[in-house]
PDB file of N, CA and C in Angstrom:
ATOM      1  N   MET A   1      15.238  20.656   5.638  1.00  0.00           N
ATOM      2  CA  MET A   1      14.094  19.988   5.409  1.00  0.00           C
ATOM      3  C   MET A   1      13.171  20.740   4.320  1.00  0.00           C
ATOM      4  N   SER A   2      13.039  20.300   3.097  1.00  0.00           N
ATOM      5  CA  SER A   2      12.148  20.899   2.128  1.00  0.00           C
ATOM      6  C   SER A   2      10.745  20.859   2.353  1.00  0.00           C
ATOM      7  N   ASP A   3      10.154  22.093   1.718  1.00  0.00           N
ATOM      8  CA  ASP A   3       8.948  22.377   1.882  1.00  0.00           C
ATOM      9  C   ASP A   3       8.074  21.479   0.886  1.00  0.00           C
ATOM     10  N   ASN A   4       9.012  20.754  -0.162  1.00  0.00           N
ATOM     11  CA  ASN A   4       8.220  19.912  -1.093  1.00  0.00           C
ATOM     12  C   ASN A   4       8.534  18.492  -0.573  1.00  0.00           C
ATOM     13  N   PHE A   5       7.496  17.700  -0.587  1.00  0.00           N
ATOM     14  CA  PHE A   5       7.807  16.398  -0.131  1.00  0.00           C
ATOM     15  C   PHE A   5       6.710  15.307  -0.944  1.00  0.00           C
ATOM     16  N   ILE A   6       7.136  14.008  -0.965  1.00  0.00           N
ATOM     17  CA  ILE A   6       6.505  13.056  -1.571  1.00  0.00           C
ATOM     18  C   ILE A   6       6.515  12.157  -0.354  1.00  0.00           C
ATOM     19  N   ILE A   7       5.021  11.522  -0.050  1.00  0.00           N
ATOM     20  CA  ILE A   7       4.854  10.653   1.118  1.00  0.00           C
ATOM     21  C   ILE A   7       4.508   9.318   0.102  1.00  0.00           C
ATOM     22  N   TYR A   8       5.146   8.333   0.150  1.00  0.00           N
ATOM     23  CA  TYR A   8       4.923   7.119  -0.482  1.00  0.00           C
ATOM     24  C   TYR A   8       4.948   5.783   0.252  1.00  0.00           C
ATOM     25  N   ASP A   9       4.519   4.611  -0.256  1.00  0.00           N
ATOM     26  CA  ASP A   9       4.702   3.441   0.462  1.00  0.00           C
ATOM     27  C   ASP A   9       6.099   2.925   0.126  1.00  0.00           C
ATOM     28  N   GLY A  10       6.994   2.759   0.860  1.00  0.00           N
ATOM     29  CA  GLY A  10       8.357   2.255   0.597  1.00  0.00           C
ATOM     30  C   GLY A  10       8.360   0.715   0.274  1.00  0.00           C
ATOM     31  N   ASP A  11       7.258   0.008   0.732  1.00  0.00           N
ATOM     32  CA  ASP A  11       7.322  -1.505   0.465  1.00  0.00           C
ATOM     33  C   ASP A  11       6.501  -1.712  -0.636  1.00  0.00           C
ATOM     34  N   CYS A  12       5.728  -0.770  -1.303  1.00  0.00           N
ATOM     35  CA  CYS A  12       5.177  -1.041  -2.665  1.00  0.00           C
ATOM     36  C   CYS A  12       6.176  -1.038  -3.765  1.00  0.00           C
ATOM     37  N   ILE A  13       6.268  -2.057  -4.337  1.00  0.00           N
ATOM     38  CA  ILE A  13       7.319  -1.922  -5.540  1.00  0.00           C
ATOM     39  C   ILE A  13       6.979  -1.038  -6.601  1.00  0.00           C
ATOM     40  N   PHE A  14       5.615  -0.957  -6.712  1.00  0.00           N
ATOM     41  CA  PHE A  14       5.356   0.153  -7.951  1.00  0.00           C
ATOM     42  C   PHE A  14       5.563   1.632  -7.261  1.00  0.00           C
ATOM     43  N   CYS A  15       5.135   2.010  -6.228  1.00  0.00           N
ATOM     44  CA  CYS A  15       5.513   3.263  -5.706  1.00  0.00           C
ATOM     45  C   CYS A  15       7.095   3.334  -5.690  1.00  0.00           C
ATOM     46  N   LYS A  16       7.719   2.813  -5.201  1.00  0.00           N
ATOM     47  CA  LYS A  16       9.176   2.741  -4.961  1.00  0.00           C
ATOM     48  C   LYS A  16      10.025   2.960  -6.226  1.00  0.00           C
ATOM     49  N   ASN A  17       9.541   2.051  -7.339  1.00  0.00           N
ATOM     50  CA  ASN A  17      10.133   2.340  -8.581  1.00  0.00           C
ATOM     51  C   ASN A  17       9.650   3.626  -9.513  1.00  0.00           C
ATOM     52  N   TYR A  18       8.624   3.944  -9.216  1.00  0.00           N
ATOM     53  CA  TYR A  18       8.176   5.178  -9.837  1.00  0.00           C
ATOM     54  C   TYR A  18       8.941   6.423  -9.162  1.00  0.00           C
ATOM     55  N   ILE A  19       8.996   6.511  -8.025  1.00  0.00           N
ATOM     56  CA  ILE A  19      10.046   7.351  -7.233  1.00  0.00           C
ATOM     57  C   ILE A  19      11.377   7.321  -7.723  1.00  0.00           C
ATOM     58  N   LYS A  20      11.880   6.094  -8.008  1.00  0.00           N
ATOM     59  CA  LYS A  20      13.130   5.974  -8.205  1.00  0.00           C
ATOM     60  C   LYS A  20      13.538   6.308  -9.695  1.00  0.00           C
ATOM     61  N   PHE A  21      12.649   6.055 -10.710  1.00  0.00           N
ATOM     62  CA  PHE A  21      12.937   6.486 -12.283  1.00  0.00           C
ATOM     63  C   PHE A  21      12.380   7.722 -12.464  1.00  0.00           C
ATOM     64  N   SER A  22      11.610   8.505 -11.604  1.00  0.00           N
ATOM     65  CA  SER A  22      11.168   9.781 -11.775  1.00  0.00           C
ATOM     66  C   SER A  22      12.241  10.958 -11.876  1.00  0.00           C
ATOM     67  N   ASN A  23      12.349  11.531 -13.055  1.00  0.00           N
ATOM     68  CA  ASN A  23      13.357  12.718 -13.239  1.00  0.00           C
ATOM     69  C   ASN A  23      12.849  13.955 -12.394  1.00  0.00           C
ATOM     70  N   PHE A  24      11.697  13.872 -11.931  1.00  0.00           N
ATOM     71  CA  PHE A  24      11.187  14.963 -11.108  1.00  0.00           C
ATOM     72  C   PHE A  24      12.031  15.245 -10.039  1.00  0.00           C
ATOM     73  N   LEU A  25      12.481  14.410  -9.357  1.00  0.00           N
ATOM     74  CA  LEU A  25      13.315  14.456  -8.307  1.00  0.00           C
ATOM     75  C   LEU A  25      14.741  15.257  -8.493  1.00  0.00           C
ATOM     76  N   ASN A  26      15.105  15.036  -9.701  1.00  0.00           N
ATOM     77  CA  ASN A  26      16.445  15.596 -10.100  1.00  0.00           C
ATOM     78  C   ASN A  26      16.183  17.258 -10.239  1.00  0.00           C
ATOM     79  N   GLU A  27      15.030  17.530 -10.663  1.00  0.00           N
ATOM     80  CA  GLU A  27      14.787  18.894 -10.997  1.00  0.00           C
ATOM     81  C   GLU A  27      14.402  19.790  -9.857  1.00  0.00           C
ATOM     82  N   TYR A  28      13.793  19.374  -8.914  1.00  0.00           N
ATOM     83  CA  TYR A  28      13.233  20.022  -7.852  1.00  0.00           C
ATOM     84  C   TYR A  28      13.574  19.279  -6.460  1.00  0.00           C
ATOM     85  N   GLN A  29      13.941  20.209  -5.344  1.00  0.00           N
ATOM     86  CA  GLN A  29      14.186  19.612  -4.172  1.00  0.00           C
ATOM     87  C   GLN A  29      12.994  19.036  -3.435  1.00  0.00           C
ATOM     88  N   ILE A  30      12.986  17.988  -3.394  1.00  0.00           N
ATOM     89  CA  ILE A  30      11.717  17.075  -2.888  1.00  0.00           C
ATOM     90  C   ILE A  30      12.358  16.185  -1.834  1.00  0.00           C
ATOM     91  N   GLU A  31      11.712  16.200  -0.770  1.00  0.00           N
ATOM     92  CA  GLU A  31      12.056  15.321   0.499  1.00  0.00           C
ATOM     93  C   GLU A  31      11.158  13.991   0.148  1.00  0.00           C
ATOM     94  N   LEU A  32      11.693  12.675   0.170  1.00  0.00           N
ATOM     95  CA  LEU A  32      11.177  11.527  -0.029  1.00  0.00           C
ATOM     96  C   LEU A  32      10.931  10.809   1.430  1.00  0.00           C
ATOM     97  N   ILE A  33       9.511  10.690   1.416  1.00  0.00           N
ATOM     98  CA  ILE A  33       9.255  10.111   2.858  1.00  0.00           C
ATOM     99  C   ILE A  33       8.700   8.808   2.693  1.00  0.00           C
ATOM    100  N   ASN A  34       9.178   7.675   3.307  1.00  0.00           N
ATOM    101  CA  ASN A  34       8.517   6.465   3.283  1.00  0.00           C
ATOM    102  C   ASN A  34       7.556   6.310   4.326  1.00  0.00           C
ATOM    103  N   ALA A  35       6.306   6.242   3.987  1.00  0.00           N
ATOM    104  CA  ALA A  35       5.132   6.127   4.915  1.00  0.00           C
ATOM    105  C   ALA A  35       5.193   5.294   6.182  1.00  0.00           C
ATOM    106  N   ARG A  36       5.786   4.216   5.851  1.00  0.00           N
ATOM    107  CA  ARG A  36       6.052   3.171   6.705  1.00  0.00           C
ATOM    108  C   ARG A  36       7.064   3.363   7.917  1.00  0.00           C
ATOM    109  N   LEU A  37       7.830   4.557   7.578  1.00  0.00           N
ATOM    110  CA  LEU A  37       8.829   4.719   8.447  1.00  0.00           C
ATOM    111  C   LEU A  37       8.510   6.102   9.376  1.00  0.00           C
ATOM    112  N   VAL A  38       7.306   6.680   9.106  1.00  0.00           N
ATOM    113  CA  VAL A  38       6.949   8.089   9.695  1.00  0.00           C
ATOM    114  C   VAL A  38       6.543   7.918  11.087  1.00  0.00           C
ATOM    115  N   LYS A  39       7.197   9.000  11.978  1.00  0.00           N
ATOM    116  CA  LYS A  39       7.011   9.054  13.212  1.00  0.00           C
ATOM    117  C   LYS A  39       6.406  10.275  13.660  1.00  0.00           C
ATOM    118  N   ASP A  40       6.508  11.340  12.690  1.00  0.00           N
ATOM    119  CA  ASP A  40       5.935  12.612  12.940  1.00  0.00           C
ATOM    120  C   ASP A  40       4.402  12.651  13.176  1.00  0.00           C
ATOM    121  N   PRO A  41       3.864  13.091  14.321  1.00  0.00           N
ATOM    122  CA  PRO A  41       2.445  12.978  14.389  1.00  0.00           C
ATOM    123  C   PRO A  41       1.696  13.844  13.364  1.00  0.00           C
ATOM    124  N   ASN A  42       2.048  14.875  12.937  1.00  0.00           N
ATOM    125  CA  ASN A  42       1.422  15.890  11.873  1.00  0.00           C
ATOM    126  C   ASN A  42       1.565  15.014  10.558  1.00  0.00           C
ATOM    127  N   LYS A  43       2.646  14.426  10.212  1.00  0.00           N
ATOM    128  CA  LYS A  43       2.609  13.662   8.860  1.00  0.00           C
ATOM    129  C   LYS A  43       1.760  12.418   9.005  1.00  0.00           C
ATOM    130  N   ILE A  44       1.665  11.670  10.188  1.00  0.00           N
ATOM    131  CA  ILE A  44       0.482  10.571  10.409  1.00  0.00           C
ATOM    132  C   ILE A  44      -0.830  11.161  10.166  1.00  0.00           C
ATOM    133  N   GLU A  45      -1.179  12.196  10.620  1.00  0.00           N
ATOM    134  CA  GLU A  45      -2.502  12.735  10.549  1.00  0.00           C
ATOM    135  C   GLU A  45      -2.748  13.136   9.085  1.00  0.00           C
ATOM    136  N   LEU A  46      -1.644  13.682   8.407  1.00  0.00           N
ATOM    137  CA  LEU A  46      -1.654  14.032   6.961  1.00  0.00           C
ATOM    138  C   LEU A  46      -2.001  12.610   6.117  1.00  0.00           C
ATOM    139  N   MET A  47      -1.395  11.492   6.457  1.00  0.00           N
ATOM    140  CA  MET A  47      -1.548  10.194   5.765  1.00  0.00           C
ATOM    141  C   MET A  47      -2.910   9.632   5.973  1.00  0.00           C
ATOM    142  N   LYS A  48      -3.487   9.962   7.220  1.00  0.00           N
ATOM    143  CA  LYS A  48      -4.592   9.332   7.417  1.00  0.00           C
ATOM    144  C   LYS A  48      -5.889  10.240   6.455  1.00  0.00           C
ATOM    145  N   LYS A  49      -5.601  11.568   6.536  1.00  0.00           N
ATOM    146  CA  LYS A  49      -6.461  12.505   5.799  1.00  0.00           C
ATOM    147  C   LYS A  49      -6.495  12.176   4.582  1.00  0.00           C
ATOM    148  N   TYR A  50      -5.341  11.946   3.847  1.00  0.00           N
ATOM    149  CA  TYR A  50      -5.436  11.834   2.351  1.00  0.00           C
ATOM    150  C   TYR A  50      -5.242  10.377   2.088  1.00  0.00           C
ATOM    151  N   LYS A  51      -5.570   9.425   3.006  1.00  0.00           N
ATOM    152  CA  LYS A  51      -5.565   8.008   2.645  1.00  0.00           C
ATOM    153  C   LYS A  51      -4.523   7.529   1.942  1.00  0.00           C
ATOM    154  N   ILE A  52      -3.281   7.544   2.661  1.00  0.00           N
ATOM    155  CA  ILE A  52      -2.136   6.866   2.000  1.00  0.00           C
ATOM    156  C   ILE A  52      -2.094   5.540   1.342  1.00  0.00           C
ATOM    157  N   ASP A  53      -3.226   4.813   1.706  1.00  0.00           N
ATOM    158  CA  ASP A  53      -3.274   3.345   1.196  1.00  0.00           C
ATOM    159  C   ASP A  53      -3.856   3.461   0.004  1.00  0.00           C
ATOM    160  N   THR A  54      -4.393   4.742  -0.530  1.00  0.00           N
ATOM    161  CA  THR A  54      -5.063   4.715  -1.919  1.00  0.00           C
ATOM    162  C   THR A  54      -4.126   5.645  -2.797  1.00  0.00           C
ATOM    163  N   GLY A  55      -2.959   5.989  -2.335  1.00  0.00           N
ATOM    164  CA  GLY A  55      -2.003   6.644  -3.112  1.00  0.00           C
ATOM    165  C   GLY A  55      -1.079   7.617  -2.472  1.00  0.00           C
ATOM    166  N   MET A  56       0.096   7.922  -3.260  1.00  0.00           N
ATOM    167  CA  MET A  56       1.021   8.618  -2.674  1.00  0.00           C
ATOM    168  C   MET A  56       0.609  10.236  -2.341  1.00  0.00           C
ATOM    169  N   ILE A  57       1.136  10.889  -1.637  1.00  0.00           N
ATOM    170  CA  ILE A  57       0.849  12.295  -1.243  1.00  0.00           C
ATOM    171  C   ILE A  57       1.979  13.204  -1.819  1.00  0.00           C
ATOM    172  N   LEU A  58       1.808  14.137  -2.651  1.00  0.00           N
ATOM    173  CA  LEU A  58       2.650  15.075  -3.074  1.00  0.00           C
ATOM    174  C   LEU A  58       2.319  16.488  -2.545  1.00  0.00           C
ATOM    175  N   HIS A  59       3.406  17.077  -1.748  1.00  0.00           N
ATOM    176  CA  HIS A  59       3.201  18.543  -1.389  1.00  0.00           C
ATOM    177  C   HIS A  59       4.148  19.144  -2.337  1.00  0.00           C
ATOM    178  N   PHE A  60       3.646  20.051  -3.098  1.00  0.00           N
ATOM    179  CA  PHE A  60       4.530  20.695  -3.947  1.00  0.00           C
ATOM    180  C   PHE A  60       4.228  22.037  -4.375  1.00  0.00           C
ATOM    181  N   GLU A  61       4.982  23.275  -3.930  1.00  0.00           N
ATOM    182  CA  GLU A  61       4.729  24.554  -4.169  1.00  0.00           C
ATOM    183  C   GLU A  61       3.313  24.917  -3.381  1.00  0.00           C
ATOM    184  N   ASN A  62       3.312  24.444  -2.171  1.00  0.00           N
ATOM    185  CA  ASN A  62       2.205  24.848  -1.145  1.00  0.00           C
ATOM    186  C   ASN A  62       0.941  24.375  -1.616  1.00  0.00           C
ATOM    187  N   ASN A  63       0.790  23.238  -2.392  1.00  0.00           N
ATOM    188  CA  ASN A  63      -0.171  22.490  -2.576  1.00  0.00           C
ATOM    189  C   ASN A  63      -0.274  21.046  -2.454  1.00  0.00           C
ATOM    190  N   TYR A  64      -1.330  20.378  -2.099  1.00  0.00           N
ATOM    191  CA  TYR A  64      -1.295  19.039  -1.917  1.00  0.00           C
ATOM    192  C   TYR A  64      -1.801  18.352  -3.206  1.00  0.00           C
ATOM    193  N   TYR A  65      -1.274  17.175  -3.540  1.00  0.00           N
ATOM    194  CA  TYR A  65      -1.822  16.365  -4.605  1.00  0.00           C
ATOM    195  C   TYR A  65      -1.928  14.830  -4.093  1.00  0.00           C
ATOM    196  N   THR A  66      -2.760  14.164  -4.373  1.00  0.00           N
ATOM    197  CA  THR A  66      -2.693  12.809  -3.890  1.00  0.00           C
ATOM    198  C   THR A  66      -3.255  11.828  -4.950  1.00  0.00           C
ATOM    199  N   GLY A  67      -2.687  10.619  -4.935  1.00  0.00           N
ATOM    200  CA  GLY A  67      -3.343   9.505  -6.028  1.00  0.00           C
ATOM    201  C   GLY A  67      -2.983  10.017  -7.289  1.00  0.00           C
ATOM    202  N   SER A  68      -3.973   9.830  -8.215  1.00  0.00           N
ATOM    203  CA  SER A  68      -3.968  10.261  -9.549  1.00  0.00           C
ATOM    204  C   SER A  68      -3.666  11.595  -9.728  1.00  0.00           C
ATOM    205  N   GLU A  69      -3.947  12.368  -8.916  1.00  0.00           N
ATOM    206  CA  GLU A  69      -3.531  13.878  -9.090  1.00  0.00           C
ATOM    207  C   GLU A  69      -1.970  14.104  -8.762  1.00  0.00           C
ATOM    208  N   ALA A  70      -1.623  13.398  -8.037  1.00  0.00           N
ATOM    209  CA  ALA A  70      -0.116  13.444  -7.677  1.00  0.00           C
ATOM    210  C   ALA A  70       0.726  12.895  -8.853  1.00  0.00           C
ATOM    211  N   MET A  71       0.313  11.836  -9.376  1.00  0.00           N
ATOM    212  CA  MET A  71       0.839  11.140 -10.601  1.00  0.00           C
ATOM    213  C   MET A  71       0.853  11.993 -11.730  1.00  0.00           C
ATOM    214  N   THR A  72      -0.433  12.624 -12.030  1.00  0.00           N
ATOM    215  CA  THR A  72      -0.593  13.657 -13.129  1.00  0.00           C
ATOM    216  C   THR A  72       0.347  14.707 -12.908  1.00  0.00           C
ATOM    217  N   LYS A  73       0.437  15.471 -11.864  1.00  0.00           N
ATOM    218  CA  LYS A  73       1.335  16.688 -11.373  1.00  0.00           C
ATOM    219  C   LYS A  73       2.756  16.081 -11.502  1.00  0.00           C
ATOM    220  N   ILE A  74       3.177  15.287 -11.142  1.00  0.00           N
ATOM    221  CA  ILE A  74       4.607  14.568 -11.279  1.00  0.00           C
ATOM    222  C   ILE A  74       4.786  14.449 -12.833  1.00  0.00           C
ATOM    223  N   THR A  75       3.911  13.820 -13.509  1.00  0.00           N
ATOM    224  CA  THR A  75       4.178  13.701 -14.979  1.00  0.00           C
ATOM    225  C   THR A  75       4.237  14.891 -15.689  1.00  0.00           C
ATOM    226  N   THR A  76       3.104  15.860 -15.462  1.00  0.00           N
ATOM    227  CA  THR A  76       3.107  17.162 -16.222  1.00  0.00           C
ATOM    228  C   THR A  76       4.298  17.859 -15.946  1.00  0.00           C
ATOM    229  N   ILE A  77       4.989  18.004 -14.901  1.00  0.00           N
ATOM    230  CA  ILE A  77       6.218  18.812 -14.773  1.00  0.00           C
ATOM    231  C   ILE A  77       7.508  18.139 -15.072  1.00  0.00           C
ATOM    232  N   ASN A  78       7.423  16.703 -15.257  1.00  0.00           N
ATOM    233  CA  ASN A  78       8.617  15.951 -15.783  1.00  0.00           C
ATOM    234  C   ASN A  78       8.756  15.874 -17.187  1.00  0.00           C
ATOM    235  N   ASP A  79      10.017  16.570 -17.653  1.00  0.00           N
ATOM    236  CA  ASP A  79      10.023  16.450 -19.034  1.00  0.00           C
ATOM    237  C   ASP A  79      11.153  15.415 -19.410  1.00  0.00           C
ATOM    238  N   ASN A  80      11.468  14.600 -18.575  1.00  0.00           N
ATOM    239  CA  ASN A  80      12.594  13.590 -18.916  1.00  0.00           C
ATOM    240  C   ASN A  80      12.086  12.892 -20.131  1.00  0.00           C
ATOM    241  N   LYS A  81      13.076  12.604 -21.017  1.00  0.00           N
ATOM    242  CA  LYS A  81      12.826  11.864 -22.245  1.00  0.00           C
ATOM    243  C   LYS A  81      13.160  10.249 -22.124  1.00  0.00           C
ATOM    244  N   LYS A  82      13.443   9.866 -21.043  1.00  0.00           N
ATOM    245  CA  LYS A  82      13.712   8.666 -21.081  1.00  0.00           C
ATOM    246  C   LYS A  82      12.414   7.502 -21.290  1.00  0.00           C
ATOM    247  N   TYR A  83      12.604   6.443 -21.853  1.00  0.00           N
ATOM    248  CA  TYR A  83      11.487   5.666 -22.281  1.00  0.00           C
ATOM    249  C   TYR A  83      10.320   5.427 -21.102  1.00  0.00           C
ATOM    250  N   PHE A  84      11.044   5.126 -19.918  1.00  0.00           N
ATOM    251  CA  PHE A  84      10.094   4.836 -18.681  1.00  0.00           C
ATOM    252  C   PHE A  84       9.165   6.165 -18.453  1.00  0.00           C
ATOM    253  N   ASN A  85       9.779   7.161 -18.491  1.00  0.00           N
ATOM    254  CA  ASN A  85       9.111   8.574 -18.114  1.00  0.00           C
ATOM    255  C   ASN A  85       7.841   8.775 -19.340  1.00  0.00           C
ATOM    256  N   LYS A  86       8.279   8.483 -20.628  1.00  0.00           N
ATOM    257  CA  LYS A  86       7.562   8.671 -21.784  1.00  0.00           C
ATOM    258  C   LYS A  86       6.338   7.809 -21.695  1.00  0.00           C
ATOM    259  N   THR A  87       6.588   6.520 -21.288  1.00  0.00           N
ATOM    260  CA  THR A  87       5.367   5.837 -21.153  1.00  0.00           C
ATOM    261  C   THR A  87       4.403   6.137 -20.025  1.00  0.00           C
ATOM    262  N   LEU A  88       4.846   6.627 -18.750  1.00  0.00           N
ATOM    263  CA  LEU A  88       4.141   7.167 -17.694  1.00  0.00           C
ATOM    264  C   LEU A  88       3.319   8.353 -18.264  1.00  0.00           C
ATOM    265  N   ASN A  89       4.177   9.320 -19.184  1.00  0.00           N
ATOM    266  CA  ASN A  89       3.318  10.408 -19.460  1.00  0.00           C
ATOM    267  C   ASN A  89       2.173   9.944 -20.419  1.00  0.00           C
ATOM    268  N   PHE A  90       2.200   8.799 -21.134  1.00  0.00           N
ATOM    269  CA  PHE A  90       1.019   8.652 -21.933  1.00  0.00           C
ATOM    270  C   PHE A  90      -0.042   8.199 -20.955  1.00  0.00           C
ATOM    271  N   PHE A  91       0.228   7.610 -19.920  1.00  0.00           N
ATOM    272  CA  PHE A  91      -1.098   7.229 -19.016  1.00  0.00           C
ATOM    273  C   PHE A  91      -1.438   8.474 -18.107  1.00  0.00           C
ATOM    274  N   PHE A  92      -0.565   9.284 -17.831  1.00  0.00           N
ATOM    275  CA  PHE A  92      -0.891  10.074 -16.571  1.00  0.00           C
ATOM    276  C   PHE A  92      -0.841  11.653 -16.869  1.00  0.00           C
ATOM    277  N   LYS A  93      -0.532  12.056 -18.099  1.00  0.00           N
ATOM    278  CA  LYS A  93      -0.654  13.424 -18.497  1.00  0.00           C
ATOM    279  C   LYS A  93      -2.026  13.876 -18.633  1.00  0.00           C
ATOM    280  N   SER A  94      -2.764  13.033 -19.047  1.00  0.00           N
ATOM    281  CA  SER A  94      -4.403  13.402 -19.057  1.00  0.00           C
ATOM    282  C   SER A  94      -5.048  12.966 -17.757  1.00  0.00           C
ATOM    283  N   LYS A  95      -5.714  13.971 -17.258  1.00  0.00           N
ATOM    284  CA  LYS A  95      -6.531  13.709 -16.006  1.00  0.00           C
ATOM    285  C   LYS A  95      -7.542  12.577 -15.952  1.00  0.00           C
ATOM    286  N   LYS A  96      -8.183  12.724 -17.190  1.00  0.00           N
ATOM    287  CA  LYS A  96      -9.185  11.713 -17.485  1.00  0.00           C
ATOM    288  C   LYS A  96      -8.748  10.222 -17.620  1.00  0.00           C
ATOM    289  N   ILE A  97      -7.673  10.099 -18.199  1.00  0.00           N
ATOM    290  CA  ILE A  97      -6.868   8.854 -18.392  1.00  0.00           C
ATOM    291  C   ILE A  97      -6.372   8.309 -17.040  1.00  0.00           C
ATOM    292  N   SER A  98      -5.780   9.194 -16.321  1.00  0.00           N
ATOM    293  CA  SER A  98      -5.278   8.919 -15.221  1.00  0.00           C
ATOM    294  C   SER A  98      -6.253   8.766 -14.002  1.00  0.00           C
ATOM    295  N   ASN A  99      -7.402   9.368 -13.975  1.00  0.00           N
ATOM    296  CA  ASN A  99      -8.518   9.141 -13.046  1.00  0.00           C
ATOM    297  C   ASN A  99      -9.050   7.793 -13.396  1.00  0.00           C
ATOM    298  N   LEU A 100      -9.265   7.347 -14.575  1.00  0.00           N
ATOM    299  CA  LEU A 100      -9.705   6.082 -15.139  1.00  0.00           C
ATOM    300  C   LEU A 100      -9.000   4.878 -14.689  1.00  0.00           C
ATOM    301  N   LEU A 101      -7.678   5.047 -14.987  1.00  0.00           N
ATOM    302  CA  LEU A 101      -6.626   3.914 -14.774  1.00  0.00           C
ATOM    303  C   LEU A 101      -6.140   3.769 -13.283  1.00  0.00           C
ATOM    304  N   TYR A 102      -6.089   5.074 -12.500  1.00  0.00           N
ATOM    305  CA  TYR A 102      -5.517   4.916 -11.258  1.00  0.00           C
ATOM    306  C   TYR A 102      -6.089   3.857 -10.278  1.00  0.00           C
ATOM    307  N   PRO A 103      -7.502   3.664 -10.085  1.00  0.00           N
ATOM    308  CA  PRO A 103      -8.016   2.868  -9.245  1.00  0.00           C
ATOM    309  C   PRO A 103      -7.487   1.371  -9.495  1.00  0.00           C
ATOM    310  N   TYR A 104      -7.232   1.008 -10.869  1.00  0.00           N
ATOM    311  CA  TYR A 104      -6.598  -0.322 -11.070  1.00  0.00           C
ATOM    312  C   TYR A 104      -5.528  -0.430 -10.469  1.00  0.00           C
ATOM    313  N   PHE A 105      -4.505   0.479 -10.658  1.00  0.00           N
ATOM    314  CA  PHE A 105      -3.083   0.488  -9.946  1.00  0.00           C
ATOM    315  C   PHE A 105      -3.350   0.227  -8.435  1.00  0.00           C
ATOM    316  N   VAL A 106      -4.353   0.902  -7.878  1.00  0.00           N
ATOM    317  CA  VAL A 106      -4.431   0.730  -6.404  1.00  0.00           C
ATOM    318  C   VAL A 106      -4.594  -0.871  -6.230  1.00  0.00           C
ATOM    319  N   ILE A 107      -5.645  -1.332  -6.835  1.00  0.00           N
ATOM    320  CA  ILE A 107      -6.154  -2.823  -6.804  1.00  0.00           C
ATOM    321  C   ILE A 107      -4.918  -3.446  -7.123  1.00  0.00           C
ATOM    322  N   ILE A 108      -3.980  -3.365  -7.999  1.00  0.00           N
ATOM    323  CA  ILE A 108      -2.866  -4.179  -8.240  1.00  0.00           C
ATOM    324  C   ILE A 108      -1.708  -4.168  -7.041  1.00  0.00           C
ATOM    325  N   ARG A 109      -1.676  -2.809  -6.548  1.00  0.00           N
ATOM    326  CA  ARG A 109      -0.795  -2.483  -5.385  1.00  0.00           C
ATOM    327  C   ARG A 109      -1.180  -3.350  -4.290  1.00  0.00           C
ATOM    328  N   ASN A 110      -2.441  -3.302  -3.926  1.00  0.00           N
ATOM    329  CA  ASN A 110      -2.946  -4.013  -2.868  1.00  0.00           C
ATOM    330  C   ASN A 110      -2.881  -5.532  -2.870  1.00  0.00           C
ATOM    331  N   LEU A 111      -3.164  -6.251  -4.108  1.00  0.00           N
ATOM    332  CA  LEU A 111      -2.917  -7.431  -4.434  1.00  0.00           C
ATOM    333  C   LEU A 111      -1.538  -7.956  -4.238  1.00  0.00           C
ATOM    334  N   THR A 112      -0.539  -6.950  -4.807  1.00  0.00           N
ATOM    335  CA  THR A 112       0.804  -7.264  -4.664  1.00  0.00           C
ATOM    336  C   THR A 112       1.199  -7.387  -3.349  1.00  0.00           C
ATOM    337  N   LEU A 113       0.904  -6.280  -2.457  1.00  0.00           N
ATOM    338  CA  LEU A 113       1.358  -6.279  -1.098  1.00  0.00           C
ATOM    339  C   LEU A 113       0.691  -7.643  -0.290  1.00  0.00           C
ATOM    340  N   LYS A 114      -0.489  -8.040  -0.713  1.00  0.00           N
ATOM    341  CA  LYS A 114      -1.211  -9.027  -0.019  1.00  0.00           C
ATOM    342  C   LYS A 114      -0.262 -10.368  -0.440  1.00  0.00           C
ATOM    343  N   ILE A 115       0.037 -10.633  -1.480  1.00  0.00           N
ATOM    344  CA  ILE A 115       0.810 -11.754  -2.230  1.00  0.00           C
ATOM    345  C   ILE A 115       2.026 -11.767  -1.392  1.00  0.00           C
ATOM    346  N   ARG A 116       2.732 -10.603  -1.162  1.00  0.00           N
ATOM    347  CA  ARG A 116       3.962 -10.610  -0.446  1.00  0.00           C
ATOM    348  C   ARG A 116       3.951 -10.527   1.029  1.00  0.00           C
ATOM    349  N   GLY A 117       2.865 -10.806   1.506  1.00  0.00           N
ATOM    350  CA  GLY A 117       2.635 -10.720   3.039  1.00  0.00           C
ATOM    351  C   GLY A 117       2.862  -9.419   3.558  1.00  0.00           C
ATOM    352  N   ILE A 118       2.510  -8.204   2.945  1.00  0.00           N
ATOM    353  CA  ILE A 118       2.748  -6.889   3.520  1.00  0.00           C
ATOM    354  C   ILE A 118       1.359  -6.259   3.838  1.00  0.00           C
ATOM    355  N   SER A 119       1.076  -5.920   5.035  1.00  0.00           N
ATOM    356  CA  SER A 119      -0.136  -5.293   5.344  1.00  0.00           C
ATOM    357  C   SER A 119      -0.094  -3.837   4.681  1.00  0.00           C
ATOM    358  N   LYS A 120      -1.409  -3.269   4.735  1.00  0.00           N
ATOM    359  CA  LYS A 120      -1.579  -1.980   4.329  1.00  0.00           C
ATOM    360  C   LYS A 120      -0.890  -1.136   5.505  1.00  0.00           C
ATOM    361  N   ILE A 121      -0.603   0.225   5.221  1.00  0.00           N
ATOM    362  CA  ILE A 121      -0.188   1.143   6.125  1.00  0.00           C
ATOM    363  C   ILE A 121      -1.212   1.277   7.218  1.00  0.00           C
ATOM    364  N   PHE A 122      -2.475   1.704   7.012  1.00  0.00           N
ATOM    365  CA  PHE A 122      -3.431   1.835   8.141  1.00  0.00           C
ATOM    366  C   PHE A 122      -4.631   0.715   7.690  1.00  0.00           C
ATOM    367  N   ASN A 123      -4.644  -0.206   8.658  1.00  0.00           N
ATOM    368  CA  ASN A 123      -5.612  -1.312   8.600  1.00  0.00           C
ATOM    369  C   ASN A 123      -6.996  -0.864   8.846  1.00  0.00           C
TER     370      ASN A 123
END
């Protein structure tokens, strides 16, 4: 088990695809954790503390990052030249832009889950 991990919503198409296309996972040993499948009480408390329904949780090099901070951290250490990552870099490399846009991504995520008939992780 890696000390580095990402807890994300495996039923969120945006979260799942971001994780899938991120080169970050190829360069670092990261444990991927689908929040909907977590049974470990410590991870559940962590998800409640960092409000998993408002964004993924990244534990990397003994630091926690959530939401827009997690996206910014992943983006800034991800040097992949693929078009997908270049696009994400444009939005998330800047903390200001990331903080501005991220709440809209959460709204879109929540609407998409609702349309698909999927509940939030913690109601």
